Amino acid sequence: MKLPNYVKGQWSEGTGPGELLIDPVTGDELAKISSQGVDLEGALAFARTHGGPALRQLTYSQRAEMLAKVADAWLQIAMSTFGYRS
């Protein structure tokens, strides 16, 4: 399986063969990912014109709350997918 990249508000797959992602505990091959062929300059421009202004509208507390929610979501995914425990 090759993982797509979320760039400029949409999912796209890199054009290269990809780098192998390996589970560090089991050694199992999980997926491949490639950023080859992805418009990185466009991604940075998109982030500067869309993401930056939106983040600057938030207070420090609001940004911290968003990051905590992202961390919680990642932890839940890891626990349910790979059985990791905190």
C-alpha atoms as a PDB file:
ATOM      1  CA  MET A   1       0.000   0.000   0.000  1.00  0.00           C
ATOM      2  CA  LYS A   2       1.275   3.468  -0.866  1.00  0.00           C
ATOM      3  CA  LEU A   3       0.146   6.298   1.393  1.00  0.00           C
ATOM      4  CA  PRO A   4      -1.020   9.529  -0.238  1.00  0.00           C
ATOM      5  CA  ASN A   5       0.109  13.024   0.809  1.00  0.00           C
ATOM      6  CA  TYR A   6      -2.333  15.752   1.851  1.00  0.00           C
ATOM      7  CA  VAL A   7      -1.086  18.776  -0.089  1.00  0.00           C
ATOM      8  CA  LYS A   8      -2.845  22.027  -0.981  1.00  0.00           C
ATOM      9  CA  GLY A   9      -6.155  20.832   0.422  1.00  0.00           C
ATOM     10  CA  GLN A  10      -6.257  17.534  -1.459  1.00  0.00           C
ATOM     11  CA  TRP A  11      -4.841  14.010  -1.343  1.00  0.00           C
ATOM     12  CA  SER A  12      -2.251  13.067  -3.967  1.00  0.00           C
ATOM     13  CA  GLU A  13       0.152  10.179  -4.370  1.00  0.00           C
ATOM     14  CA  GLY A  14       3.846  10.730  -5.026  1.00  0.00           C
ATOM     15  CA  THR A  15       5.153   9.497  -8.352  1.00  0.00           C
ATOM     16  CA  GLY A  16       8.205   7.613  -7.099  1.00  0.00           C
ATOM     17  CA  PRO A  17       8.372   4.039  -5.840  1.00  0.00           C
ATOM     18  CA  GLY A  18       8.302   5.330  -2.262  1.00  0.00           C
ATOM     19  CA  GLU A  19      10.150   4.683   0.957  1.00  0.00           C
ATOM     20  CA  LEU A  20       9.170   1.658   2.985  1.00  0.00           C
ATOM     21  CA  LEU A  21       7.642   2.293   6.419  1.00  0.00           C
ATOM     22  CA  ILE A  22       8.415  -0.522   8.852  1.00  0.00           C
ATOM     23  CA  ASP A  23       6.819  -1.220  12.226  1.00  0.00           C
ATOM     24  CA  PRO A  24       9.726  -0.753  14.676  1.00  0.00           C
ATOM     25  CA  VAL A  25       8.344  -3.373  17.066  1.00  0.00           C
ATOM     26  CA  THR A  26       7.378  -6.219  14.733  1.00  0.00           C
ATOM     27  CA  GLY A  27       9.505  -5.414  11.687  1.00  0.00           C
ATOM     28  CA  ASP A  28       6.404  -5.742   9.491  1.00  0.00           C
ATOM     29  CA  GLU A  29       6.199  -3.672   6.325  1.00  0.00           C
ATOM     30  CA  LEU A  30       3.358  -1.199   6.858  1.00  0.00           C
ATOM     31  CA  ALA A  31       3.232   0.931   3.711  1.00  0.00           C
ATOM     32  CA  LYS A  32       5.260   3.043   1.316  1.00  0.00           C
ATOM     33  CA  ILE A  33       5.243   6.804   0.975  1.00  0.00           C
ATOM     34  CA  SER A  34       6.681   9.126  -1.653  1.00  0.00           C
ATOM     35  CA  SER A  35       6.813  12.890  -1.972  1.00  0.00           C
ATOM     36  CA  GLN A  36       8.452  12.655  -5.383  1.00  0.00           C
ATOM     37  CA  GLY A  37       6.512  14.726  -7.906  1.00  0.00           C
ATOM     38  CA  VAL A  38       4.568  16.558  -5.182  1.00  0.00           C
ATOM     39  CA  ASP A  39       4.419  20.325  -5.696  1.00  0.00           C
ATOM     40  CA  LEU A  40       6.288  21.359  -2.543  1.00  0.00           C
ATOM     41  CA  GLU A  41       6.580  25.022  -3.560  1.00  0.00           C
ATOM     42  CA  GLY A  42       2.822  25.072  -4.116  1.00  0.00           C
ATOM     43  CA  ALA A  43       2.293  23.382  -0.759  1.00  0.00           C
ATOM     44  CA  LEU A  44       4.322  26.056   1.020  1.00  0.00           C
ATOM     45  CA  ALA A  45       2.494  28.843  -0.803  1.00  0.00           C
ATOM     46  CA  PHE A  46      -0.851  27.249   0.120  1.00  0.00           C
ATOM     47  CA  ALA A  47       0.211  26.998   3.771  1.00  0.00           C
ATOM     48  CA  ARG A  48       1.308  30.633   3.816  1.00  0.00           C
ATOM     49  CA  THR A  49      -1.880  31.960   2.227  1.00  0.00           C
ATOM     50  CA  HIS A  50      -4.424  29.644   3.889  1.00  0.00           C
ATOM     51  CA  GLY A  51      -2.993  27.980   6.996  1.00  0.00           C
ATOM     52  CA  GLY A  52      -0.876  30.795   8.386  1.00  0.00           C
ATOM     53  CA  PRO A  53      -3.587  33.442   8.483  1.00  0.00           C
ATOM     54  CA  ALA A  54      -6.079  30.995   9.998  1.00  0.00           C
ATOM     55  CA  LEU A  55      -3.641  29.987  12.757  1.00  0.00           C
ATOM     56  CA  ARG A  56      -2.770  33.610  13.529  1.00  0.00           C
ATOM     57  CA  GLN A  57      -6.476  34.280  14.171  1.00  0.00           C
ATOM     58  CA  LEU A  58      -6.410  31.761  17.049  1.00  0.00           C
ATOM     59  CA  THR A  59      -5.260  32.482  20.582  1.00  0.00           C
ATOM     60  CA  TYR A  60      -2.408  30.521  22.143  1.00  0.00           C
ATOM     61  CA  SER A  61      -4.953  28.588  24.191  1.00  0.00           C
ATOM     62  CA  GLN A  62      -7.009  27.682  21.115  1.00  0.00           C
ATOM     63  CA  ARG A  63      -3.907  26.449  19.265  1.00  0.00           C
ATOM     64  CA  ALA A  64      -2.838  24.394  22.281  1.00  0.00           C
ATOM     65  CA  GLU A  65      -6.309  22.837  22.439  1.00  0.00           C
ATOM     66  CA  MET A  66      -6.126  21.915  18.738  1.00  0.00           C
ATOM     67  CA  LEU A  67      -2.712  20.283  19.184  1.00  0.00           C
ATOM     68  CA  ALA A  68      -3.946  18.317  22.205  1.00  0.00           C
ATOM     69  CA  LYS A  69      -6.868  17.000  20.143  1.00  0.00           C
ATOM     70  CA  VAL A  70      -4.523  15.951  17.332  1.00  0.00           C
ATOM     71  CA  ALA A  71      -2.244  14.172  19.816  1.00  0.00           C
ATOM     72  CA  ASP A  72      -5.235  12.373  21.344  1.00  0.00           C
ATOM     73  CA  ALA A  73      -6.444  11.288  17.905  1.00  0.00           C
ATOM     74  CA  TRP A  74      -2.984   9.944  16.975  1.00  0.00           C
ATOM     75  CA  LEU A  75      -2.801   8.044  20.254  1.00  0.00           C
ATOM     76  CA  GLN A  76      -6.221   6.486  19.673  1.00  0.00           C
ATOM     77  CA  ILE A  77      -5.242   5.446  16.153  1.00  0.00           C
ATOM     78  CA  ALA A  78      -1.975   3.924  17.376  1.00  0.00           C
ATOM     79  CA  MET A  79      -3.693   2.047  20.191  1.00  0.00           C
ATOM     80  CA  SER A  80      -6.479   0.678  18.022  1.00  0.00           C
ATOM     81  CA  THR A  81      -4.298  -0.149  15.018  1.00  0.00           C
ATOM     82  CA  PHE A  82      -1.064  -1.362  16.553  1.00  0.00           C
ATOM     83  CA  GLY A  83      -1.992  -2.079  20.155  1.00  0.00           C
ATOM     84  CA  TYR A  84       0.386   0.524  21.598  1.00  0.00           C
ATOM     85  CA  ARG A  85      -0.276   1.629  25.131  1.00  0.00           C
ATOM     86  CA  SER A  86       0.601   4.957  26.692  1.00  0.00           C
END
